């Protein structure tokens, strides 16, 4: 079984690395794209809650300090997939899209007393869109042919992170941790402007970048016993903001409609992409290991990050501030498990719910991007057989609304499925 899990981990890493977590959102044409959920299956049942959670039988990569509480003798492996249906609407026009994705693969285990390790692969951002529009350039009086401008927009790519993390508890009730990740990926965005007039040139812009950098996230958790049955945990996180060492390019190609001769100009910005500083805080109330209720708040300081922009007036490609806004997210939720180690199957199920409100990090044409409202509900279903009774099947449903009165409104219904293997790898067997 151990060999099978190890093989499965590397196979899952290959699958995730080979394909982006899909999106069709037109908002992914801006910035680094649509930000991914950097969490495991049990977090998603609570709508991404977890900064104050420290689970002995789950890997909580939202706060690396939580690794210190992973069960001894166990190896935990968690892999998840998702499927979603999204409705896009603008000015009375509606379009539906479907996506299915291999989302994440993470693992964790205890290496020493009060010291746990975790490693895995998570998405950071996703880019995927394709749409076009057609506009008349001049009117007709019956003798003049109308010339139309066709604009086609498309993009693909995104960023992934493979991380190694550690959580250590120097004293009872206090834990600190760190995730060190290798961040990589690329994107290609294109804007192609053509005309129905055979004498007009076609103008194409291609925006590309390739990222190979690092990502560092730090965490702290402190648990205070309130009564014999009640405990309160405070969680704090910080993500380091820094330049990514990438050199984004803008390639402009003007193609003569009659001769097909192309004139190409390339602009490059050295070290033009960056991550924001990120701060998080969470509280979790634990009642006799049956009720766990929490609240999280995260702040991403995108407003201080400049991003490449092509200036039509000066025909230049340069870093410009004011394209992003700080992203705020508030999440509340929790889980209830009547009797985690009991014999009754239904009493061992984890029942989860969560809700969130978030602002977007994008500014589009000087206006703030859409506000995000989301809710989720899910179950952690124990897998019971003659070999193992510690593994869980995490299933959750999530509704997300990207609400905008000015731009596109998105409504997504998503199903998340995660399988958490909890294997007893490090026990010492005695022969009699």
Foldseek 3Di string as FASTA:
>chain_A
DVVVLVVVQVVLVVQPVVDPQDDADPQQVDAQGAFFQFFFQVCVQAPNDDLQDQDQQDDGPVALQSQLNHDALKKKKKWKKKKKKKWKDDPHDIDIDIGIGRAWIKMKHADDNSKIKMKIKGFGHWFWHKDKDKDWDDDDPPPDDTKIKIKIKTKGKGKMKIWMKMKGDPDPQKIKMKIKIWMWMKMKIKIWIDMPPLQAKIKMKIKMKIFTAMKMKMKMKGWDDDDPFKIKIKMKMKIDKDQGQMKMKIKMWIAGSPPRDIDIDMAIDTSFHMFFIKIKIKMWMGGNVFKIWMKMKMKTQLQVHWHWDQDPVVRHIDTDGPFWHIKIKMKIWIWGAQDCPDDDQRSNKIKIKMWMKMFGGGQDPNHGFFIKTKIKIWMWGFDDDPADGSKTKIKMWMWMWRDDPHDMIMIMIMIMIMTMDMDSRPDDDDDD
